[in-house]
């Protein structure tokens, strides 16, 4: 399950027809609007579906822009965590409580 919110900039102030159209999109809800700005929450099964909904919001007449504000990807996050945990070259010491002073650093600080 993916949950995100976007800020939609509308062409008209408090456009009731736009709010109705956005609420009609599957996975969308408009919990708040003020002037030309609308907050839209999106629920989707995965990132691809979430992106598709955002594209449909962008294509809705009266929408000037859509900006992602928050995104949460429950299933994809768990899959990525498993990949890291199952990696053969994952350093075991990362699973231990280690002081930051004891973590080897091989980067370069001067630029």
C-alpha atoms as a PDB file:
ATOM      1  CA  UNK A   1       0.000   0.000   0.000  1.00  0.00           C
ATOM      2  CA  UNK A   2       1.327   3.409  -0.972  1.00  0.00           C
ATOM      3  CA  UNK A   3      -0.006   6.571   0.586  1.00  0.00           C
ATOM      4  CA  UNK A   4       1.005  10.016  -0.580  1.00  0.00           C
ATOM      5  CA  UNK A   5      -0.168  13.581  -0.640  1.00  0.00           C
ATOM      6  CA  UNK A   6       0.224  16.182  -3.325  1.00  0.00           C
ATOM      7  CA  UNK A   7      -0.331  19.913  -3.457  1.00  0.00           C
ATOM      8  CA  UNK A   8      -2.443  20.878  -6.453  1.00  0.00           C
ATOM      9  CA  UNK A   9      -2.444  24.425  -7.776  1.00  0.00           C
ATOM     10  CA  UNK A  10      -5.780  25.174  -9.461  1.00  0.00           C
ATOM     11  CA  UNK A  11      -6.644  27.822 -12.012  1.00  0.00           C
ATOM     12  CA  UNK A  12      -9.683  29.000 -10.072  1.00  0.00           C
ATOM     13  CA  UNK A  13     -10.284  29.808  -6.426  1.00  0.00           C
ATOM     14  CA  UNK A  14     -12.207  27.060  -4.562  1.00  0.00           C
ATOM     15  CA  UNK A  15     -13.222  25.338  -7.815  1.00  0.00           C
ATOM     16  CA  UNK A  16     -16.037  22.980  -6.732  1.00  0.00           C
ATOM     17  CA  UNK A  17     -16.058  21.197 -10.102  1.00  0.00           C
ATOM     18  CA  UNK A  18     -12.323  20.476  -9.886  1.00  0.00           C
ATOM     19  CA  UNK A  19     -12.658  19.149  -6.342  1.00  0.00           C
ATOM     20  CA  UNK A  20     -15.531  16.921  -7.489  1.00  0.00           C
ATOM     21  CA  UNK A  21     -13.465  15.653 -10.450  1.00  0.00           C
ATOM     22  CA  UNK A  22     -10.439  14.896  -8.261  1.00  0.00           C
ATOM     23  CA  UNK A  23     -12.550  13.108  -5.641  1.00  0.00           C
ATOM     24  CA  UNK A  24     -13.997  10.991  -8.472  1.00  0.00           C
ATOM     25  CA  UNK A  25     -10.540   9.681  -9.429  1.00  0.00           C
ATOM     26  CA  UNK A  26      -9.956   6.235  -7.964  1.00  0.00           C
ATOM     27  CA  UNK A  27      -7.571   6.453  -5.008  1.00  0.00           C
ATOM     28  CA  UNK A  28      -7.933  10.247  -4.602  1.00  0.00           C
ATOM     29  CA  UNK A  29      -9.426  12.354  -1.836  1.00  0.00           C
ATOM     30  CA  UNK A  30      -9.394  16.136  -1.400  1.00  0.00           C
ATOM     31  CA  UNK A  31      -9.458  16.690   2.368  1.00  0.00           C
ATOM     32  CA  UNK A  32      -8.508  20.376   2.225  1.00  0.00           C
ATOM     33  CA  UNK A  33      -8.665  23.308  -0.156  1.00  0.00           C
ATOM     34  CA  UNK A  34      -7.915  26.962   0.315  1.00  0.00           C
ATOM     35  CA  UNK A  35      -7.989  29.447  -2.533  1.00  0.00           C
ATOM     36  CA  UNK A  36      -6.072  28.063  -5.495  1.00  0.00           C
ATOM     37  CA  UNK A  37      -4.401  25.312  -3.416  1.00  0.00           C
ATOM     38  CA  UNK A  38      -5.760  21.820  -2.819  1.00  0.00           C
ATOM     39  CA  UNK A  39      -4.317  18.990  -0.777  1.00  0.00           C
ATOM     40  CA  UNK A  40      -4.995  15.638  -2.419  1.00  0.00           C
ATOM     41  CA  UNK A  41      -4.270  12.297  -0.761  1.00  0.00           C
ATOM     42  CA  UNK A  42      -3.533   9.285  -2.940  1.00  0.00           C
ATOM     43  CA  UNK A  43      -3.788   5.599  -2.053  1.00  0.00           C
ATOM     44  CA  UNK A  44      -2.397   3.023  -4.473  1.00  0.00           C
ATOM     45  CA  UNK A  45      -1.098  -0.549  -4.489  1.00  0.00           C
ATOM     46  CA  UNK A  46       2.381   0.384  -5.738  1.00  0.00           C
ATOM     47  CA  UNK A  47       4.518   3.224  -7.051  1.00  0.00           C
ATOM     48  CA  UNK A  48       3.476   2.643 -10.663  1.00  0.00           C
ATOM     49  CA  UNK A  49      -0.213   2.989  -9.762  1.00  0.00           C
ATOM     50  CA  UNK A  50       0.545   6.021  -7.604  1.00  0.00           C
ATOM     51  CA  UNK A  51       2.393   7.683 -10.491  1.00  0.00           C
ATOM     52  CA  UNK A  52      -0.519   6.904 -12.811  1.00  0.00           C
ATOM     53  CA  UNK A  53      -2.938   8.640 -10.447  1.00  0.00           C
ATOM     54  CA  UNK A  54      -0.649  11.663 -10.259  1.00  0.00           C
ATOM     55  CA  UNK A  55      -0.610  11.819 -14.085  1.00  0.00           C
ATOM     56  CA  UNK A  56      -4.426  11.716 -14.136  1.00  0.00           C
ATOM     57  CA  UNK A  57      -4.502  14.572 -11.611  1.00  0.00           C
ATOM     58  CA  UNK A  58      -2.136  16.576 -13.845  1.00  0.00           C
ATOM     59  CA  UNK A  59      -4.374  15.901 -16.850  1.00  0.00           C
ATOM     60  CA  UNK A  60      -7.528  17.058 -15.052  1.00  0.00           C
ATOM     61  CA  UNK A  61      -8.892  20.306 -16.541  1.00  0.00           C
ATOM     62  CA  UNK A  62      -8.300  23.224 -14.174  1.00  0.00           C
ATOM     63  CA  UNK A  63      -5.067  21.819 -12.698  1.00  0.00           C
ATOM     64  CA  UNK A  64      -2.024  24.036 -13.186  1.00  0.00           C
ATOM     65  CA  UNK A  65       0.550  21.968 -11.266  1.00  0.00           C
ATOM     66  CA  UNK A  66       0.954  18.978  -8.957  1.00  0.00           C
ATOM     67  CA  UNK A  67       3.766  18.750  -6.389  1.00  0.00           C
ATOM     68  CA  UNK A  68       4.510  15.664  -4.305  1.00  0.00           C
ATOM     69  CA  UNK A  69       4.598  16.544  -0.601  1.00  0.00           C
ATOM     70  CA  UNK A  70       4.669  13.157   1.161  1.00  0.00           C
ATOM     71  CA  UNK A  71       5.062   9.543   0.056  1.00  0.00           C
ATOM     72  CA  UNK A  72       5.006   6.284   1.999  1.00  0.00           C
ATOM     73  CA  UNK A  73       5.639   2.919   0.323  1.00  0.00           C
ATOM     74  CA  UNK A  74       4.943   0.110   2.746  1.00  0.00           C
ATOM     75  CA  UNK A  75       5.506  -2.938   0.541  1.00  0.00           C
ATOM     76  CA  UNK A  76       8.392  -1.593  -1.514  1.00  0.00           C
ATOM     77  CA  UNK A  77      10.218  -0.512   1.640  1.00  0.00           C
ATOM     78  CA  UNK A  78       9.931  -3.994   3.135  1.00  0.00           C
ATOM     79  CA  UNK A  79      11.236  -5.544  -0.109  1.00  0.00           C
ATOM     80  CA  UNK A  80      14.243  -3.229  -0.173  1.00  0.00           C
ATOM     81  CA  UNK A  81      15.011  -3.951   3.493  1.00  0.00           C
ATOM     82  CA  UNK A  82      14.954  -7.699   2.747  1.00  0.00           C
ATOM     83  CA  UNK A  83      17.340  -7.193  -0.187  1.00  0.00           C
ATOM     84  CA  UNK A  84      19.837  -5.427   2.062  1.00  0.00           C
ATOM     85  CA  UNK A  85      19.473  -8.006   4.849  1.00  0.00           C
ATOM     86  CA  UNK A  86      19.910 -10.908   2.408  1.00  0.00           C
ATOM     87  CA  UNK A  87      22.901  -9.416   0.612  1.00  0.00           C
ATOM     88  CA  UNK A  88      25.957 -11.669   0.839  1.00  0.00           C
ATOM     89  CA  UNK A  89      28.329  -8.746   1.323  1.00  0.00           C
ATOM     90  CA  UNK A  90      26.309  -7.052   4.075  1.00  0.00           C
ATOM     91  CA  UNK A  91      28.728  -6.278   6.934  1.00  0.00           C
ATOM     92  CA  UNK A  92      27.630  -8.133  10.057  1.00  0.00           C
ATOM     93  CA  UNK A  93      28.900  -5.360  12.351  1.00  0.00           C
ATOM     94  CA  UNK A  94      26.090  -3.114  11.074  1.00  0.00           C
ATOM     95  CA  UNK A  95      23.661  -5.315  13.007  1.00  0.00           C
ATOM     96  CA  UNK A  96      25.537  -4.687  16.250  1.00  0.00           C
ATOM     97  CA  UNK A  97      25.292  -1.677  18.532  1.00  0.00           C
ATOM     98  CA  UNK A  98      28.476   0.101  17.574  1.00  0.00           C
ATOM     99  CA  UNK A  99      29.646   3.536  18.556  1.00  0.00           C
ATOM    100  CA  UNK A 100      29.959   5.879  15.583  1.00  0.00           C
ATOM    101  CA  UNK A 101      33.600   6.377  16.596  1.00  0.00           C
ATOM    102  CA  UNK A 102      34.312   2.727  15.814  1.00  0.00           C
ATOM    103  CA  UNK A 103      32.843   2.797  12.298  1.00  0.00           C
ATOM    104  CA  UNK A 104      35.573   2.884   9.656  1.00  0.00           C
ATOM    105  CA  UNK A 105      35.339   5.831   7.279  1.00  0.00           C
ATOM    106  CA  UNK A 106      37.078   5.770   3.934  1.00  0.00           C
ATOM    107  CA  UNK A 107      35.613   8.895   2.361  1.00  0.00           C
ATOM    108  CA  UNK A 108      37.277  12.196   1.615  1.00  0.00           C
ATOM    109  CA  UNK A 109      36.299  15.299   3.595  1.00  0.00           C
ATOM    110  CA  UNK A 110      38.302  17.990   1.802  1.00  0.00           C
ATOM    111  CA  UNK A 111      36.907  19.223  -1.467  1.00  0.00           C
END
